[in-house]
N, C-alpha and C. Protein backbone atom coordinates (compact mmCIF):
# COMPACT_ATOMS: atom_id res chain seq x y z
N MET A 1 0.81 -1.19 0.00
CA MET A 1 0.00 0.00 0.00
C MET A 1 0.86 1.26 0.00
N ASP A 2 1.96 1.26 0.78
CA ASP A 2 2.85 2.42 0.83
C ASP A 2 3.50 2.66 -0.52
N GLY A 3 3.71 1.62 -1.29
CA GLY A 3 4.32 1.76 -2.61
C GLY A 3 3.43 2.53 -3.57
N VAL A 4 2.13 2.55 -3.35
CA VAL A 4 1.20 3.28 -4.21
C VAL A 4 0.97 4.70 -3.69
N LEU A 5 0.92 4.87 -2.39
CA LEU A 5 0.61 6.17 -1.81
C LEU A 5 1.71 7.21 -2.03
N LEU A 6 2.95 6.78 -1.95
CA LEU A 6 4.05 7.73 -2.11
C LEU A 6 4.07 8.36 -3.51
N PRO A 7 4.02 7.57 -4.59
CA PRO A 7 3.98 8.20 -5.93
C PRO A 7 2.72 9.05 -6.13
N LEU A 8 1.60 8.60 -5.57
CA LEU A 8 0.37 9.37 -5.68
C LEU A 8 0.49 10.72 -4.96
N ALA A 9 1.10 10.72 -3.80
CA ALA A 9 1.31 11.96 -3.05
C ALA A 9 2.25 12.90 -3.81
N VAL A 10 3.29 12.34 -4.42
CA VAL A 10 4.24 13.16 -5.19
C VAL A 10 3.53 13.80 -6.38
N VAL A 11 2.72 13.03 -7.08
CA VAL A 11 1.97 13.56 -8.23
C VAL A 11 1.00 14.64 -7.77
N LEU A 12 0.31 14.39 -6.67
CA LEU A 12 -0.65 15.37 -6.16
C LEU A 12 0.05 16.67 -5.75
N ILE A 13 1.17 16.57 -5.09
CA ILE A 13 1.93 17.77 -4.70
C ILE A 13 2.42 18.51 -5.94
N ALA A 14 2.89 17.78 -6.93
CA ALA A 14 3.36 18.41 -8.17
C ALA A 14 2.23 19.16 -8.87
N LEU A 15 1.04 18.57 -8.89
CA LEU A 15 -0.12 19.23 -9.51
C LEU A 15 -0.50 20.51 -8.76
N VAL A 16 -0.44 20.47 -7.45
CA VAL A 16 -0.75 21.66 -6.65
C VAL A 16 0.28 22.76 -6.91
N VAL A 17 1.55 22.39 -6.97
CA VAL A 17 2.61 23.37 -7.24
C VAL A 17 2.43 23.98 -8.63
N ILE A 18 2.11 23.17 -9.63
CA ILE A 18 1.88 23.67 -10.99
C ILE A 18 0.67 24.61 -11.01
N ALA A 19 -0.41 24.22 -10.34
CA ALA A 19 -1.61 25.07 -10.31
C ALA A 19 -1.30 26.42 -9.64
N LEU A 20 -0.54 26.41 -8.56
CA LEU A 20 -0.17 27.65 -7.89
C LEU A 20 0.73 28.52 -8.78
N ALA A 21 1.62 27.89 -9.52
CA ALA A 21 2.50 28.64 -10.43
C ALA A 21 1.69 29.29 -11.54
N VAL A 22 0.71 28.57 -12.08
CA VAL A 22 -0.15 29.13 -13.14
C VAL A 22 -0.95 30.31 -12.60
N LEU A 23 -1.55 30.15 -11.43
CA LEU A 23 -2.31 31.25 -10.83
C LEU A 23 -1.42 32.46 -10.53
N ALA A 24 -0.22 32.21 -10.06
CA ALA A 24 0.71 33.31 -9.79
C ALA A 24 1.06 34.04 -11.08
N TYR A 25 1.32 33.30 -12.16
CA TYR A 25 1.66 33.93 -13.45
C TYR A 25 0.50 34.79 -13.95
N ILE A 26 -0.71 34.25 -13.91
CA ILE A 26 -1.88 35.00 -14.39
C ILE A 26 -2.08 36.27 -13.56
N ASN A 27 -1.90 36.17 -12.25
CA ASN A 27 -2.05 37.32 -11.37
C ASN A 27 -0.97 38.38 -11.63
N ILE A 28 0.26 37.96 -11.75
CA ILE A 28 1.36 38.90 -12.02
C ILE A 28 1.17 39.57 -13.37
N ARG A 29 0.77 38.80 -14.38
CA ARG A 29 0.54 39.35 -15.73
C ARG A 29 -0.55 40.42 -15.69
N ALA A 30 -1.67 40.11 -15.01
CA ALA A 30 -2.79 41.06 -14.94
C ALA A 30 -2.37 42.33 -14.18
N ARG A 31 -1.65 42.18 -13.09
CA ARG A 31 -1.21 43.35 -12.33
C ARG A 31 -0.22 44.20 -13.13
N ARG A 32 0.66 43.54 -13.88
CA ARG A 32 1.62 44.27 -14.69
C ARG A 32 0.92 45.06 -15.79
N LEU A 33 -0.07 44.44 -16.45
CA LEU A 33 -0.82 45.14 -17.49
C LEU A 33 -1.61 46.30 -16.89
N ASP A 34 -2.28 46.05 -15.78
CA ASP A 34 -3.12 47.07 -15.15
C ASP A 34 -2.30 48.24 -14.59
N GLY A 35 -1.05 47.99 -14.28
CA GLY A 35 -0.20 49.03 -13.72
C GLY A 35 0.49 49.90 -14.76
N ARG A 36 0.35 49.56 -16.03
CA ARG A 36 1.01 50.35 -17.08
C ARG A 36 0.30 51.68 -17.28
N LEU A 37 1.05 52.67 -17.69
CA LEU A 37 0.51 53.99 -17.98
C LEU A 37 -0.47 53.89 -19.14
N GLY A 38 -1.66 54.42 -18.98
CA GLY A 38 -2.68 54.37 -20.03
C GLY A 38 -3.58 53.15 -19.96
N ALA A 39 -3.47 52.35 -18.90
CA ALA A 39 -4.29 51.14 -18.77
C ALA A 39 -5.62 51.47 -18.09
N PHE A 40 -6.67 50.77 -18.52
CA PHE A 40 -7.98 50.92 -17.89
C PHE A 40 -8.73 49.60 -18.00
N ARG A 41 -9.57 49.34 -17.02
CA ARG A 41 -10.36 48.10 -17.01
C ARG A 41 -11.57 48.26 -17.91
N CYS A 42 -11.89 47.22 -18.65
CA CYS A 42 -13.07 47.26 -19.52
C CYS A 42 -13.48 45.84 -19.87
N TRP A 43 -14.60 45.71 -20.53
CA TRP A 43 -15.11 44.44 -21.00
C TRP A 43 -15.32 44.58 -22.49
N SER A 44 -15.10 43.49 -23.21
CA SER A 44 -15.21 43.57 -24.67
C SER A 44 -15.91 42.33 -25.20
N ARG A 45 -16.50 42.50 -26.37
CA ARG A 45 -17.08 41.37 -27.09
C ARG A 45 -17.05 41.72 -28.58
N PRO A 46 -16.94 40.71 -29.43
CA PRO A 46 -16.84 40.98 -30.86
C PRO A 46 -18.15 41.42 -31.50
N ASP A 47 -19.28 41.03 -30.91
CA ASP A 47 -20.58 41.40 -31.48
C ASP A 47 -21.64 41.34 -30.39
N THR A 48 -22.85 41.74 -30.72
CA THR A 48 -23.92 41.81 -29.71
C THR A 48 -24.41 40.44 -29.27
N GLN A 49 -24.10 39.39 -30.01
CA GLN A 49 -24.56 38.05 -29.67
C GLN A 49 -23.62 37.34 -28.69
N SER A 50 -22.40 37.81 -28.57
CA SER A 50 -21.40 37.15 -27.74
C SER A 50 -21.46 37.66 -26.30
N GLY A 51 -20.87 36.89 -25.41
CA GLY A 51 -20.78 37.31 -24.01
C GLY A 51 -19.61 38.25 -23.80
N TRP A 52 -19.65 38.98 -22.69
CA TRP A 52 -18.60 39.93 -22.36
C TRP A 52 -17.39 39.21 -21.79
N THR A 53 -16.20 39.69 -22.11
CA THR A 53 -14.96 39.17 -21.57
C THR A 53 -14.23 40.31 -20.87
N SER A 54 -13.84 40.10 -19.62
CA SER A 54 -13.14 41.17 -18.89
C SER A 54 -11.72 41.31 -19.41
N GLY A 55 -11.25 42.54 -19.40
CA GLY A 55 -9.91 42.78 -19.92
C GLY A 55 -9.37 44.12 -19.51
N ILE A 56 -8.26 44.45 -20.12
CA ILE A 56 -7.57 45.71 -19.86
C ILE A 56 -7.31 46.39 -21.19
N GLY A 57 -7.80 47.62 -21.30
CA GLY A 57 -7.49 48.43 -22.47
C GLY A 57 -6.23 49.22 -22.18
N LEU A 58 -5.49 49.52 -23.22
CA LEU A 58 -4.24 50.24 -23.05
C LEU A 58 -4.09 51.27 -24.15
N TYR A 59 -4.05 52.55 -23.74
CA TYR A 59 -3.81 53.63 -24.69
C TYR A 59 -2.33 53.63 -25.05
N GLY A 60 -2.04 53.63 -26.34
CA GLY A 60 -0.68 53.86 -26.80
C GLY A 60 -0.63 55.23 -27.45
N SER A 61 0.51 55.60 -27.98
CA SER A 61 0.58 56.90 -28.63
C SER A 61 -0.21 56.92 -29.93
N GLU A 62 -0.28 55.78 -30.63
CA GLU A 62 -0.98 55.73 -31.91
C GLU A 62 -2.03 54.64 -32.02
N GLU A 63 -2.25 53.87 -30.93
CA GLU A 63 -3.20 52.77 -31.02
C GLU A 63 -3.81 52.46 -29.66
N LEU A 64 -4.95 51.79 -29.72
CA LEU A 64 -5.64 51.31 -28.54
C LEU A 64 -5.59 49.79 -28.59
N SER A 65 -5.08 49.16 -27.53
CA SER A 65 -4.96 47.70 -27.49
C SER A 65 -5.84 47.15 -26.38
N TRP A 66 -6.33 45.92 -26.59
CA TRP A 66 -7.15 45.27 -25.57
C TRP A 66 -6.58 43.89 -25.27
N TYR A 67 -6.39 43.62 -23.97
CA TYR A 67 -5.85 42.35 -23.48
C TYR A 67 -6.89 41.66 -22.62
N ARG A 68 -6.97 40.34 -22.69
CA ARG A 68 -7.82 39.59 -21.76
C ARG A 68 -7.25 39.74 -20.35
N LEU A 69 -8.12 39.87 -19.38
CA LEU A 69 -7.67 39.98 -18.00
C LEU A 69 -7.06 38.66 -17.54
N VAL A 70 -7.72 37.56 -17.84
CA VAL A 70 -7.22 36.24 -17.47
C VAL A 70 -6.72 35.56 -18.74
N GLY A 71 -5.43 35.37 -18.82
CA GLY A 71 -4.85 34.74 -19.99
C GLY A 71 -3.36 34.58 -19.83
N PHE A 72 -2.74 33.90 -20.79
CA PHE A 72 -1.31 33.65 -20.74
C PHE A 72 -0.52 34.56 -21.67
N SER A 73 -1.14 35.02 -22.74
CA SER A 73 -0.44 35.78 -23.76
C SER A 73 -0.17 37.22 -23.33
N ASN A 74 1.00 37.70 -23.69
CA ASN A 74 1.33 39.10 -23.45
C ASN A 74 1.05 39.96 -24.67
N LYS A 75 0.44 39.36 -25.68
CA LYS A 75 0.06 40.10 -26.88
C LYS A 75 -1.41 40.50 -26.77
N PRO A 76 -1.77 41.67 -27.30
CA PRO A 76 -3.18 42.08 -27.24
C PRO A 76 -4.06 41.20 -28.12
N VAL A 77 -5.32 41.06 -27.71
CA VAL A 77 -6.30 40.33 -28.51
C VAL A 77 -6.59 41.12 -29.78
N TYR A 78 -6.72 42.44 -29.63
CA TYR A 78 -6.86 43.29 -30.80
C TYR A 78 -6.26 44.66 -30.54
N THR A 79 -5.88 45.29 -31.62
CA THR A 79 -5.31 46.64 -31.58
C THR A 79 -6.01 47.46 -32.65
N VAL A 80 -6.40 48.67 -32.29
CA VAL A 80 -7.10 49.56 -33.21
C VAL A 80 -6.29 50.84 -33.35
N ALA A 81 -6.04 51.25 -34.58
CA ALA A 81 -5.27 52.47 -34.82
C ALA A 81 -6.07 53.69 -34.36
N ARG A 82 -5.41 54.60 -33.71
CA ARG A 82 -6.05 55.82 -33.19
C ARG A 82 -6.58 56.69 -34.33
N ARG A 83 -5.84 56.75 -35.41
CA ARG A 83 -6.18 57.64 -36.52
C ARG A 83 -7.55 57.30 -37.12
N ASN A 84 -7.88 56.03 -37.24
CA ASN A 84 -9.13 55.62 -37.89
C ASN A 84 -10.23 55.26 -36.91
N LEU A 85 -10.00 55.43 -35.63
CA LEU A 85 -10.94 54.97 -34.62
C LEU A 85 -12.16 55.88 -34.53
N GLU A 86 -13.33 55.26 -34.56
CA GLU A 86 -14.60 55.98 -34.40
C GLU A 86 -15.37 55.36 -33.25
N LEU A 87 -15.99 56.20 -32.44
CA LEU A 87 -16.79 55.74 -31.30
C LEU A 87 -18.26 56.01 -31.56
N SER A 88 -19.10 55.09 -31.11
CA SER A 88 -20.54 55.33 -31.16
C SER A 88 -20.93 56.18 -29.95
N SER A 89 -22.15 56.61 -29.94
CA SER A 89 -22.68 57.28 -28.75
C SER A 89 -22.79 56.24 -27.64
N PRO A 90 -22.54 56.63 -26.40
CA PRO A 90 -22.60 55.65 -25.32
C PRO A 90 -24.03 55.25 -24.98
N VAL A 91 -24.19 54.00 -24.58
CA VAL A 91 -25.47 53.47 -24.12
C VAL A 91 -25.26 53.04 -22.67
N GLN A 92 -26.17 53.47 -21.78
CA GLN A 92 -26.04 53.07 -20.37
C GLN A 92 -26.14 51.56 -20.26
N HIS A 93 -25.18 50.98 -19.53
CA HIS A 93 -25.14 49.53 -19.37
C HIS A 93 -25.51 49.12 -17.94
N SER A 94 -25.69 50.11 -17.05
CA SER A 94 -26.04 49.81 -15.66
C SER A 94 -27.13 50.77 -15.21
N GLN A 95 -27.81 50.40 -14.14
CA GLN A 95 -28.91 51.21 -13.62
C GLN A 95 -28.44 52.59 -13.18
N ASP A 96 -27.27 52.66 -12.55
CA ASP A 96 -26.80 53.94 -12.02
C ASP A 96 -26.00 54.76 -13.03
N GLY A 97 -25.83 54.24 -14.24
CA GLY A 97 -25.13 54.99 -15.28
C GLY A 97 -23.62 54.96 -15.16
N SER A 98 -23.10 54.13 -14.26
CA SER A 98 -21.65 54.09 -14.07
C SER A 98 -20.93 53.32 -15.18
N MET A 99 -21.65 52.44 -15.88
CA MET A 99 -21.06 51.67 -16.97
C MET A 99 -21.73 52.06 -18.28
N LEU A 100 -20.90 52.26 -19.29
CA LEU A 100 -21.40 52.64 -20.61
C LEU A 100 -20.94 51.62 -21.64
N GLU A 101 -21.81 51.33 -22.58
CA GLU A 101 -21.48 50.43 -23.68
C GLU A 101 -21.25 51.29 -24.93
N ILE A 102 -20.12 51.05 -25.58
CA ILE A 102 -19.81 51.80 -26.80
C ILE A 102 -19.34 50.84 -27.88
N ARG A 103 -19.46 51.27 -29.10
CA ARG A 103 -18.96 50.49 -30.23
C ARG A 103 -17.75 51.20 -30.81
N LEU A 104 -16.69 50.44 -31.00
CA LEU A 104 -15.49 50.96 -31.63
C LEU A 104 -15.48 50.50 -33.08
N ARG A 105 -15.11 51.39 -33.98
CA ARG A 105 -15.02 51.00 -35.39
C ARG A 105 -13.75 51.60 -35.97
N SER A 106 -13.05 50.75 -36.68
CA SER A 106 -11.86 51.19 -37.40
C SER A 106 -11.81 50.40 -38.70
N GLY A 107 -12.24 51.04 -39.78
CA GLY A 107 -12.30 50.34 -41.06
C GLY A 107 -13.33 49.23 -40.99
N ASP A 108 -12.92 48.01 -41.31
CA ASP A 108 -13.82 46.85 -41.29
C ASP A 108 -13.98 46.26 -39.89
N LYS A 109 -13.11 46.61 -38.98
CA LYS A 109 -13.13 46.02 -37.64
C LYS A 109 -14.12 46.75 -36.75
N ARG A 110 -14.91 45.96 -36.01
CA ARG A 110 -15.89 46.51 -35.07
C ARG A 110 -15.81 45.72 -33.77
N TYR A 111 -15.86 46.46 -32.67
CA TYR A 111 -15.82 45.84 -31.35
C TYR A 111 -16.81 46.56 -30.45
N GLU A 112 -17.32 45.84 -29.48
CA GLU A 112 -18.17 46.44 -28.46
C GLU A 112 -17.38 46.43 -27.16
N VAL A 113 -17.44 47.54 -26.45
CA VAL A 113 -16.67 47.69 -25.22
C VAL A 113 -17.58 48.31 -24.16
N ALA A 114 -17.48 47.81 -22.94
CA ALA A 114 -18.18 48.40 -21.80
C ALA A 114 -17.12 49.00 -20.87
N VAL A 115 -17.29 50.27 -20.54
CA VAL A 115 -16.31 50.98 -19.72
C VAL A 115 -17.03 51.82 -18.66
N ALA A 116 -16.29 52.22 -17.65
CA ALA A 116 -16.82 53.16 -16.66
C ALA A 116 -17.00 54.51 -17.35
N SER A 117 -17.93 55.32 -16.84
CA SER A 117 -18.23 56.59 -17.50
C SER A 117 -17.00 57.51 -17.56
N HIS A 118 -16.18 57.53 -16.52
CA HIS A 118 -14.98 58.38 -16.56
C HIS A 118 -13.97 57.86 -17.59
N THR A 119 -13.96 56.55 -17.81
CA THR A 119 -13.07 55.98 -18.83
C THR A 119 -13.54 56.37 -20.22
N TYR A 120 -14.86 56.43 -20.42
CA TYR A 120 -15.39 56.87 -21.71
C TYR A 120 -14.94 58.29 -22.01
N ASN A 121 -15.03 59.17 -21.03
CA ASN A 121 -14.59 60.56 -21.22
C ASN A 121 -13.11 60.62 -21.57
N ALA A 122 -12.30 59.80 -20.91
CA ALA A 122 -10.87 59.77 -21.21
C ALA A 122 -10.62 59.24 -22.62
N LEU A 123 -11.39 58.24 -23.03
CA LEU A 123 -11.24 57.68 -24.38
C LEU A 123 -11.57 58.71 -25.45
N VAL A 124 -12.64 59.45 -25.25
CA VAL A 124 -13.01 60.50 -26.20
C VAL A 124 -11.91 61.56 -26.26
N SER A 125 -11.40 61.96 -25.12
CA SER A 125 -10.32 62.97 -25.09
C SER A 125 -9.07 62.46 -25.79
N TRP A 126 -8.74 61.18 -25.57
CA TRP A 126 -7.56 60.59 -26.21
C TRP A 126 -7.70 60.60 -27.73
N ILE A 127 -8.88 60.25 -28.23
CA ILE A 127 -9.10 60.24 -29.68
C ILE A 127 -9.03 61.66 -30.23
N GLU A 128 -9.70 62.60 -29.56
CA GLU A 128 -9.75 63.98 -30.06
C GLU A 128 -8.39 64.68 -29.98
N SER A 129 -7.54 64.27 -29.07
CA SER A 129 -6.24 64.93 -28.93
C SER A 129 -5.19 64.37 -29.89
N GLY A 130 -5.58 63.41 -30.71
CA GLY A 130 -4.65 62.83 -31.67
C GLY A 130 -4.34 63.78 -32.81
N PRO A 131 -3.42 63.38 -33.67
CA PRO A 131 -3.09 64.23 -34.81
C PRO A 131 -4.29 64.38 -35.74
N PRO A 132 -4.33 65.45 -36.51
CA PRO A 132 -5.47 65.67 -37.41
C PRO A 132 -5.63 64.52 -38.39
N ARG A 133 -6.88 64.23 -38.70
CA ARG A 133 -7.18 63.17 -39.67
C ARG A 133 -7.17 63.77 -41.07
N PRO A 134 -6.76 62.96 -42.06
CA PRO A 134 -6.78 63.48 -43.43
C PRO A 134 -8.21 63.73 -43.89
N ARG A 135 -8.39 64.75 -44.68
CA ARG A 135 -9.73 65.06 -45.19
C ARG A 135 -10.12 64.08 -46.27
N ALA A 136 -11.39 63.74 -46.27
CA ALA A 136 -11.89 62.76 -47.25
C ALA A 136 -12.17 63.42 -48.58
């Protein structure tokens, strides 16, 4: 019986250590993304039929990037150029008006994002403060 329990205990301990390492990596990654200059919490979905996914938006000098909050990749799920970015009018997503749903459009790409109302104001300011757009 002892011959079976020892390997089983070793495997169980190894699995617990691996699970803790994965959780630590995900937590450190999320904190590092959230701590970057220009980072804000938001939720995104590709269309109105899909569910919301929590994430972190990141303003760059020329682009807006979105990362999943829980994930392994350090690459953004999507990036939208600031120059071509268009915002829809906000739609209240909560009873108290603290969350707003907006649609982002850049060329053929469209995304839906839910943000806090102060984040929406910052997003509008960021877009408007960009370099002038070429005239059509």
